Amino acid sequence: MTTAVAVEFRPKKIRLVAAVCAVFLVVVFTIVGLLLGDTPTGVIFRTSDQVAMIILGVLLACGVLLLARPRVRADAEGVEVRNVITSHRFAWSDVLHVSFPDGASWARLELPDDEYISVMAVQAVDREHAVAAVRALRELHRAARG
């Protein structure tokens, strides 16, 4: 029997897309904010309006970067799932299966009483990376459950 090691997985493609979108939002809102001062419409924009537009871009970029936050860490004792906002830790004895249903966007941990938790760090769009993650999680689960 082999000794199980700790693993960590994060989504690949969504992290890149989120970073590009965040930079784009900051750049666009900064340009718009800087150009607000010179409008022929007769509306008077103050410096505070320009700063607010730039801050709005930064806040939107931070919101987009939350999509890059998911992570799953697992070791011989259990698994920790961090999704966009929430984080959960489960002992392997509390997990019935690690599954990736057909047509699903991400993997999930099957729990007792027909409950489950999505593992957003393991996404279908990452293809081989997702397959490797599910296999590693299943191996750790199998080793822990005997």
N, C-alpha and C. Protein backbone atom coordinates (compact mmCIF):
# COMPACT_ATOMS: atom_id res chain seq x y z
N MET A 1 0.85 -1.19 0.00
CA MET A 1 0.00 0.00 0.00
C MET A 1 0.89 1.24 0.00
N THR A 2 0.56 2.20 -0.87
CA THR A 2 1.36 3.41 -0.96
C THR A 2 0.86 4.45 0.02
N THR A 3 1.77 5.30 0.47
CA THR A 3 1.40 6.38 1.39
C THR A 3 0.85 7.54 0.58
N ALA A 4 -0.31 8.02 0.97
CA ALA A 4 -0.94 9.13 0.28
C ALA A 4 -0.26 10.44 0.68
N VAL A 5 -0.09 11.31 -0.30
CA VAL A 5 0.53 12.61 -0.04
C VAL A 5 -0.52 13.70 -0.19
N ALA A 6 -0.20 14.85 0.32
CA ALA A 6 -1.12 15.99 0.22
C ALA A 6 -1.09 16.55 -1.20
N VAL A 7 -2.26 16.98 -1.67
CA VAL A 7 -2.37 17.58 -3.00
C VAL A 7 -3.15 18.89 -2.90
N GLU A 8 -2.91 19.75 -3.87
CA GLU A 8 -3.64 21.01 -3.96
C GLU A 8 -3.91 21.29 -5.43
N PHE A 9 -5.15 21.67 -5.72
CA PHE A 9 -5.54 21.99 -7.08
C PHE A 9 -6.28 23.30 -7.11
N ARG A 10 -6.00 24.07 -8.16
CA ARG A 10 -6.71 25.32 -8.42
C ARG A 10 -7.10 25.32 -9.89
N PRO A 11 -8.17 26.02 -10.25
CA PRO A 11 -8.55 26.04 -11.66
C PRO A 11 -7.49 26.75 -12.49
N LYS A 12 -7.33 26.34 -13.74
CA LYS A 12 -6.31 26.93 -14.60
C LYS A 12 -6.89 28.06 -15.47
N LYS A 13 -7.84 27.72 -16.32
CA LYS A 13 -8.32 28.69 -17.32
C LYS A 13 -9.04 29.87 -16.70
N ILE A 14 -9.87 29.64 -15.71
CA ILE A 14 -10.64 30.75 -15.13
C ILE A 14 -9.72 31.75 -14.44
N ARG A 15 -8.59 31.30 -13.92
CA ARG A 15 -7.64 32.23 -13.30
C ARG A 15 -7.07 33.18 -14.34
N LEU A 16 -6.73 32.65 -15.51
CA LEU A 16 -6.20 33.50 -16.58
C LEU A 16 -7.27 34.46 -17.08
N VAL A 17 -8.47 33.96 -17.32
CA VAL A 17 -9.56 34.80 -17.81
C VAL A 17 -9.90 35.90 -16.78
N ALA A 18 -9.95 35.54 -15.52
CA ALA A 18 -10.26 36.52 -14.47
C ALA A 18 -9.19 37.61 -14.40
N ALA A 19 -7.93 37.22 -14.50
CA ALA A 19 -6.85 38.21 -14.45
C ALA A 19 -6.93 39.17 -15.63
N VAL A 20 -7.16 38.65 -16.82
CA VAL A 20 -7.25 39.50 -18.01
C VAL A 20 -8.46 40.44 -17.89
N CYS A 21 -9.59 39.91 -17.45
CA CYS A 21 -10.79 40.74 -17.29
C CYS A 21 -10.58 41.82 -16.23
N ALA A 22 -9.91 41.48 -15.15
CA ALA A 22 -9.67 42.45 -14.08
C ALA A 22 -8.80 43.60 -14.59
N VAL A 23 -7.75 43.27 -15.30
CA VAL A 23 -6.88 44.31 -15.86
C VAL A 23 -7.66 45.17 -16.85
N PHE A 24 -8.46 44.53 -17.69
CA PHE A 24 -9.27 45.26 -18.67
C PHE A 24 -10.23 46.23 -17.98
N LEU A 25 -10.89 45.78 -16.93
CA LEU A 25 -11.83 46.65 -16.20
C LEU A 25 -11.13 47.86 -15.60
N VAL A 26 -9.99 47.65 -14.98
CA VAL A 26 -9.26 48.76 -14.37
C VAL A 26 -8.82 49.75 -15.45
N VAL A 27 -8.31 49.25 -16.56
CA VAL A 27 -7.85 50.14 -17.64
C VAL A 27 -9.02 50.93 -18.22
N VAL A 28 -10.12 50.26 -18.53
CA VAL A 28 -11.27 50.94 -19.13
C VAL A 28 -11.85 51.99 -18.18
N PHE A 29 -12.05 51.62 -16.92
CA PHE A 29 -12.64 52.58 -15.98
C PHE A 29 -11.68 53.73 -15.68
N THR A 30 -10.38 53.47 -15.74
CA THR A 30 -9.42 54.56 -15.55
C THR A 30 -9.47 55.53 -16.73
N ILE A 31 -9.52 54.99 -17.94
CA ILE A 31 -9.61 55.86 -19.12
C ILE A 31 -10.90 56.66 -19.10
N VAL A 32 -12.02 56.00 -18.81
CA VAL A 32 -13.30 56.71 -18.74
C VAL A 32 -13.26 57.77 -17.64
N GLY A 33 -12.69 57.41 -16.50
CA GLY A 33 -12.59 58.38 -15.41
C GLY A 33 -11.77 59.59 -15.77
N LEU A 34 -10.67 59.37 -16.48
CA LEU A 34 -9.82 60.49 -16.88
C LEU A 34 -10.47 61.34 -17.96
N LEU A 35 -11.26 60.73 -18.82
CA LEU A 35 -11.92 61.48 -19.90
C LEU A 35 -13.21 62.16 -19.46
N LEU A 36 -13.69 61.89 -18.27
CA LEU A 36 -14.93 62.50 -17.79
C LEU A 36 -14.84 64.01 -17.69
N GLY A 37 -13.67 64.53 -17.46
CA GLY A 37 -13.52 65.96 -17.27
C GLY A 37 -13.80 66.77 -18.52
N ASP A 38 -13.57 66.17 -19.69
CA ASP A 38 -13.73 66.90 -20.95
C ASP A 38 -14.93 66.38 -21.73
N THR A 39 -16.13 66.80 -21.36
CA THR A 39 -17.31 66.39 -22.11
C THR A 39 -18.04 67.63 -22.64
N PRO A 40 -18.49 67.58 -23.89
CA PRO A 40 -19.21 68.73 -24.47
C PRO A 40 -20.69 68.74 -24.11
N THR A 41 -21.12 67.90 -23.20
CA THR A 41 -22.55 67.78 -22.88
C THR A 41 -23.04 68.87 -21.95
N GLY A 42 -22.16 69.58 -21.34
CA GLY A 42 -22.55 70.61 -20.39
C GLY A 42 -22.61 70.10 -18.97
N VAL A 43 -22.47 68.79 -18.79
CA VAL A 43 -22.45 68.22 -17.45
C VAL A 43 -21.08 68.46 -16.85
N ILE A 44 -21.06 68.86 -15.61
CA ILE A 44 -19.79 69.15 -14.95
C ILE A 44 -19.39 67.96 -14.09
N PHE A 45 -18.27 67.35 -14.45
CA PHE A 45 -17.74 66.25 -13.66
C PHE A 45 -16.57 66.78 -12.83
N ARG A 46 -16.60 66.52 -11.57
CA ARG A 46 -15.54 66.96 -10.68
C ARG A 46 -14.48 65.87 -10.56
N THR A 47 -13.39 66.24 -9.93
CA THR A 47 -12.31 65.28 -9.71
C THR A 47 -12.80 64.10 -8.88
N SER A 48 -13.70 64.35 -7.94
CA SER A 48 -14.22 63.26 -7.12
C SER A 48 -15.01 62.26 -7.98
N ASP A 49 -15.69 62.73 -9.03
CA ASP A 49 -16.40 61.83 -9.94
C ASP A 49 -15.42 60.96 -10.73
N GLN A 50 -14.32 61.57 -11.13
CA GLN A 50 -13.31 60.82 -11.86
C GLN A 50 -12.67 59.75 -10.98
N VAL A 51 -12.35 60.13 -9.76
CA VAL A 51 -11.76 59.18 -8.82
C VAL A 51 -12.75 58.05 -8.51
N ALA A 52 -14.01 58.40 -8.35
CA ALA A 52 -15.04 57.39 -8.07
C ALA A 52 -15.15 56.39 -9.22
N MET A 53 -15.03 56.86 -10.45
CA MET A 53 -15.10 55.96 -11.61
C MET A 53 -13.93 54.98 -11.60
N ILE A 54 -12.75 55.46 -11.27
CA ILE A 54 -11.57 54.59 -11.20
C ILE A 54 -11.72 53.58 -10.06
N ILE A 55 -12.21 54.04 -8.92
CA ILE A 55 -12.42 53.14 -7.78
C ILE A 55 -13.47 52.08 -8.13
N LEU A 56 -14.50 52.47 -8.86
CA LEU A 56 -15.52 51.50 -9.29
C LEU A 56 -14.89 50.41 -10.16
N GLY A 57 -13.99 50.80 -11.05
CA GLY A 57 -13.28 49.82 -11.87
C GLY A 57 -12.45 48.86 -11.04
N VAL A 58 -11.78 49.39 -10.04
CA VAL A 58 -10.97 48.54 -9.15
C VAL A 58 -11.86 47.58 -8.37
N LEU A 59 -13.00 48.07 -7.88
CA LEU A 59 -13.91 47.20 -7.13
C LEU A 59 -14.49 46.09 -8.01
N LEU A 60 -14.85 46.43 -9.23
CA LEU A 60 -15.35 45.41 -10.16
C LEU A 60 -14.27 44.39 -10.48
N ALA A 61 -13.04 44.85 -10.64
CA ALA A 61 -11.92 43.94 -10.90
C ALA A 61 -11.71 43.00 -9.72
N CYS A 62 -11.82 43.52 -8.51
CA CYS A 62 -11.70 42.66 -7.32
C CYS A 62 -12.80 41.60 -7.30
N GLY A 63 -14.00 41.98 -7.69
CA GLY A 63 -15.10 41.02 -7.76
C GLY A 63 -14.84 39.93 -8.78
N VAL A 64 -14.29 40.29 -9.92
CA VAL A 64 -13.95 39.30 -10.94
C VAL A 64 -12.84 38.38 -10.44
N LEU A 65 -11.89 38.92 -9.70
CA LEU A 65 -10.78 38.10 -9.20
C LEU A 65 -11.24 37.07 -8.17
N LEU A 66 -12.41 37.27 -7.58
CA LEU A 66 -12.95 36.25 -6.67
C LEU A 66 -13.16 34.92 -7.39
N LEU A 67 -13.38 34.97 -8.70
CA LEU A 67 -13.57 33.74 -9.47
C LEU A 67 -12.29 32.90 -9.54
N ALA A 68 -11.16 33.53 -9.26
CA ALA A 68 -9.89 32.81 -9.28
C ALA A 68 -9.54 32.23 -7.90
N ARG A 69 -10.40 32.40 -6.93
CA ARG A 69 -10.13 32.00 -5.55
C ARG A 69 -10.28 30.50 -5.26
N PRO A 70 -11.13 29.75 -5.96
CA PRO A 70 -11.34 28.35 -5.59
C PRO A 70 -10.05 27.53 -5.52
N ARG A 71 -10.06 26.62 -4.52
CA ARG A 71 -8.91 25.75 -4.30
C ARG A 71 -9.42 24.51 -3.57
N VAL A 72 -8.78 23.40 -3.81
CA VAL A 72 -9.05 22.19 -3.04
C VAL A 72 -7.71 21.65 -2.56
N ARG A 73 -7.64 21.36 -1.27
CA ARG A 73 -6.46 20.75 -0.66
C ARG A 73 -6.91 19.46 0.00
N ALA A 74 -6.13 18.42 -0.20
CA ALA A 74 -6.50 17.15 0.41
C ALA A 74 -5.24 16.44 0.89
N ASP A 75 -5.41 15.70 1.96
CA ASP A 75 -4.32 14.88 2.50
C ASP A 75 -4.94 13.60 3.03
N ALA A 76 -4.19 12.83 3.76
CA ALA A 76 -4.67 11.54 4.26
C ALA A 76 -5.83 11.69 5.24
N GLU A 77 -5.93 12.80 5.94
CA GLU A 77 -6.99 12.98 6.93
C GLU A 77 -8.30 13.50 6.34
N GLY A 78 -8.22 14.36 5.32
CA GLY A 78 -9.44 14.94 4.80
C GLY A 78 -9.21 15.88 3.64
N VAL A 79 -10.22 16.65 3.35
CA VAL A 79 -10.19 17.54 2.20
C VAL A 79 -10.75 18.91 2.60
N GLU A 80 -10.11 19.96 2.11
CA GLU A 80 -10.57 21.32 2.34
C GLU A 80 -10.97 21.91 0.99
N VAL A 81 -12.19 22.39 0.90
CA VAL A 81 -12.72 22.96 -0.33
C VAL A 81 -12.97 24.44 -0.10
N ARG A 82 -12.28 25.27 -0.88
CA ARG A 82 -12.52 26.71 -0.83
C ARG A 82 -13.10 27.12 -2.17
N ASN A 83 -14.35 27.58 -2.16
CA ASN A 83 -14.99 28.05 -3.37
C ASN A 83 -14.88 29.57 -3.43
N VAL A 84 -15.73 30.23 -4.16
CA VAL A 84 -15.60 31.67 -4.35
C VAL A 84 -15.63 32.42 -3.02
N ILE A 85 -16.56 32.08 -2.16
CA ILE A 85 -16.68 32.79 -0.89
C ILE A 85 -16.50 31.87 0.31
N THR A 86 -17.07 30.69 0.25
CA THR A 86 -17.07 29.78 1.40
C THR A 86 -15.89 28.83 1.40
N SER A 87 -15.62 28.28 2.57
CA SER A 87 -14.56 27.29 2.74
C SER A 87 -15.06 26.21 3.70
N HIS A 88 -14.81 24.96 3.36
CA HIS A 88 -15.25 23.84 4.18
C HIS A 88 -14.13 22.81 4.30
N ARG A 89 -14.08 22.16 5.45
CA ARG A 89 -13.11 21.07 5.67
C ARG A 89 -13.91 19.83 6.05
N PHE A 90 -13.61 18.72 5.39
CA PHE A 90 -14.28 17.46 5.67
C PHE A 90 -13.26 16.37 5.93
N ALA A 91 -13.54 15.54 6.90
CA ALA A 91 -12.75 14.31 7.09
C ALA A 91 -13.18 13.35 5.99
N TRP A 92 -12.27 12.51 5.55
CA TRP A 92 -12.62 11.56 4.50
C TRP A 92 -13.75 10.63 4.93
N SER A 93 -13.87 10.40 6.23
CA SER A 93 -14.96 9.53 6.71
C SER A 93 -16.33 10.16 6.47
N ASP A 94 -16.40 11.48 6.28
CA ASP A 94 -17.66 12.17 6.01
C ASP A 94 -17.99 12.25 4.52
N VAL A 95 -17.04 11.87 3.68
CA VAL A 95 -17.22 11.95 2.23
C VAL A 95 -17.55 10.56 1.69
N LEU A 96 -18.67 10.46 0.98
CA LEU A 96 -19.06 9.17 0.40
C LEU A 96 -18.33 8.91 -0.90
N HIS A 97 -18.27 9.92 -1.79
CA HIS A 97 -17.64 9.77 -3.10
C HIS A 97 -17.10 11.11 -3.58
N VAL A 98 -16.11 11.03 -4.46
CA VAL A 98 -15.67 12.19 -5.23
C VAL A 98 -16.21 11.94 -6.63
N SER A 99 -17.07 12.84 -7.11
CA SER A 99 -17.71 12.59 -8.40
C SER A 99 -17.57 13.79 -9.33
N PHE A 100 -17.77 13.50 -10.61
CA PHE A 100 -17.81 14.53 -11.63
C PHE A 100 -18.93 14.14 -12.59
N PRO A 101 -20.18 14.51 -12.24
CA PRO A 101 -21.33 14.08 -13.05
C PRO A 101 -21.23 14.56 -14.49
N ASP A 102 -21.79 13.78 -15.40
CA ASP A 102 -21.83 14.16 -16.81
C ASP A 102 -22.52 15.51 -16.97
N GLY A 103 -21.91 16.39 -17.73
CA GLY A 103 -22.48 17.69 -18.00
C GLY A 103 -22.25 18.72 -16.91
N ALA A 104 -21.64 18.32 -15.81
CA ALA A 104 -21.39 19.25 -14.71
C ALA A 104 -20.21 20.17 -15.04
N SER A 105 -20.23 21.36 -14.48
CA SER A 105 -19.14 22.30 -14.70
C SER A 105 -17.94 22.03 -13.81
N TRP A 106 -18.21 21.43 -12.64
CA TRP A 106 -17.12 21.14 -11.72
C TRP A 106 -17.41 19.87 -10.93
N ALA A 107 -16.37 19.38 -10.28
CA ALA A 107 -16.49 18.15 -9.48
C ALA A 107 -17.27 18.44 -8.21
N ARG A 108 -17.58 17.37 -7.48
CA ARG A 108 -18.26 17.56 -6.20
C ARG A 108 -17.96 16.42 -5.26
N LEU A 109 -18.11 16.72 -3.98
CA LEU A 109 -17.97 15.71 -2.93
C LEU A 109 -19.37 15.29 -2.52
N GLU A 110 -19.64 14.01 -2.62
CA GLU A 110 -20.93 13.47 -2.21
C GLU A 110 -20.88 13.23 -0.71
N LEU A 111 -21.86 13.78 0.00
CA LEU A 111 -21.92 13.69 1.45
C LEU A 111 -23.14 12.86 1.87
N PRO A 112 -23.23 12.47 3.12
CA PRO A 112 -24.41 11.72 3.58
C PRO A 112 -25.70 12.53 3.41
N ASP A 113 -26.83 11.85 3.44
CA ASP A 113 -28.16 12.45 3.36
C ASP A 113 -28.39 13.18 2.02
N ASP A 114 -27.85 12.63 0.94
CA ASP A 114 -28.04 13.19 -0.41
C ASP A 114 -27.56 14.63 -0.53
N GLU A 115 -26.60 15.02 0.26
CA GLU A 115 -26.02 16.35 0.15
C GLU A 115 -24.70 16.26 -0.62
N TYR A 116 -24.28 17.38 -1.15
CA TYR A 116 -22.99 17.44 -1.81
C TYR A 116 -22.46 18.86 -1.74
N ILE A 117 -21.16 18.98 -1.96
CA ILE A 117 -20.55 20.30 -2.05
C ILE A 117 -19.76 20.36 -3.35
N SER A 118 -19.96 21.45 -4.09
CA SER A 118 -19.24 21.63 -5.35
C SER A 118 -17.78 21.93 -5.08
N VAL A 119 -16.93 21.39 -5.92
CA VAL A 119 -15.49 21.64 -5.84
C VAL A 119 -15.15 22.48 -7.07
N MET A 120 -15.31 23.80 -6.94
CA MET A 120 -15.14 24.69 -8.07
C MET A 120 -13.69 24.80 -8.56
N ALA A 121 -12.77 24.28 -7.78
CA ALA A 121 -11.37 24.28 -8.19
C ALA A 121 -11.10 23.25 -9.27
N VAL A 122 -11.99 22.28 -9.42
CA VAL A 122 -11.83 21.23 -10.42
C VAL A 122 -12.92 21.44 -11.46
N GLN A 123 -12.56 22.15 -12.55
CA GLN A 123 -13.53 22.56 -13.54
C GLN A 123 -13.38 21.79 -14.84
N ALA A 124 -14.51 21.53 -15.48
CA ALA A 124 -14.53 20.74 -16.72
C ALA A 124 -13.70 21.39 -17.82
N VAL A 125 -13.64 22.71 -17.87
CA VAL A 125 -12.90 23.38 -18.94
C VAL A 125 -11.39 23.15 -18.83
N ASP A 126 -10.92 22.69 -17.69
CA ASP A 126 -9.50 22.42 -17.52
C ASP A 126 -9.10 21.02 -17.99
N ARG A 127 -10.02 20.26 -18.47
CA ARG A 127 -9.86 18.94 -19.06
C ARG A 127 -8.89 18.03 -18.32
N GLU A 128 -7.68 17.85 -18.83
CA GLU A 128 -6.73 16.89 -18.23
C GLU A 128 -6.35 17.26 -16.80
N HIS A 129 -6.28 18.54 -16.52
CA HIS A 129 -5.99 18.99 -15.15
C HIS A 129 -7.11 18.54 -14.21
N ALA A 130 -8.35 18.63 -14.68
CA ALA A 130 -9.50 18.19 -13.88
C ALA A 130 -9.48 16.68 -13.69
N VAL A 131 -9.13 15.95 -14.73
CA VAL A 131 -9.06 14.49 -14.63
C VAL A 131 -8.00 14.09 -13.59
N ALA A 132 -6.84 14.73 -13.65
CA ALA A 132 -5.78 14.43 -12.69
C ALA A 132 -6.21 14.77 -11.27
N ALA A 133 -6.92 15.88 -11.11
CA ALA A 133 -7.38 16.28 -9.78
C ALA A 133 -8.37 15.28 -9.21
N VAL A 134 -9.34 14.87 -10.02
CA VAL A 134 -10.34 13.91 -9.54
C VAL A 134 -9.68 12.58 -9.21
N ARG A 135 -8.77 12.14 -10.04
CA ARG A 135 -8.06 10.88 -9.75
C ARG A 135 -7.27 10.96 -8.44
N ALA A 136 -6.59 12.08 -8.22
CA ALA A 136 -5.82 12.24 -6.99
C ALA A 136 -6.74 12.27 -5.77
N LEU A 137 -7.84 12.99 -5.87
CA LEU A 137 -8.79 13.05 -4.76
C LEU A 137 -9.41 11.69 -4.49
N ARG A 138 -9.74 10.97 -5.54
CA ARG A 138 -10.31 9.63 -5.36
C ARG A 138 -9.29 8.68 -4.73
N GLU A 139 -8.04 8.80 -5.11
CA GLU A 139 -7.00 7.94 -4.53
C GLU A 139 -6.84 8.23 -3.04
N LEU A 140 -6.82 9.49 -2.66
CA LEU A 140 -6.72 9.85 -1.25
C LEU A 140 -7.96 9.36 -0.48
N HIS A 141 -9.12 9.51 -1.09
CA HIS A 141 -10.36 9.05 -0.46
C HIS A 141 -10.33 7.53 -0.26
N ARG A 142 -9.91 6.82 -1.30
CA ARG A 142 -9.84 5.36 -1.24
C ARG A 142 -8.84 4.91 -0.16
N ALA A 143 -7.69 5.57 -0.11
CA ALA A 143 -6.67 5.21 0.88
C ALA A 143 -7.14 5.48 2.30
N ALA A 144 -7.88 6.56 2.49
CA ALA A 144 -8.36 6.92 3.83
C ALA A 144 -9.50 6.01 4.28
N ARG A 145 -10.33 5.61 3.34
CA ARG A 145 -11.49 4.78 3.68
C ARG A 145 -11.16 3.30 3.74
N GLY A 146 -9.99 2.93 3.24
CA GLY A 146 -9.57 1.53 3.31
C GLY A 146 -10.07 0.78 2.17
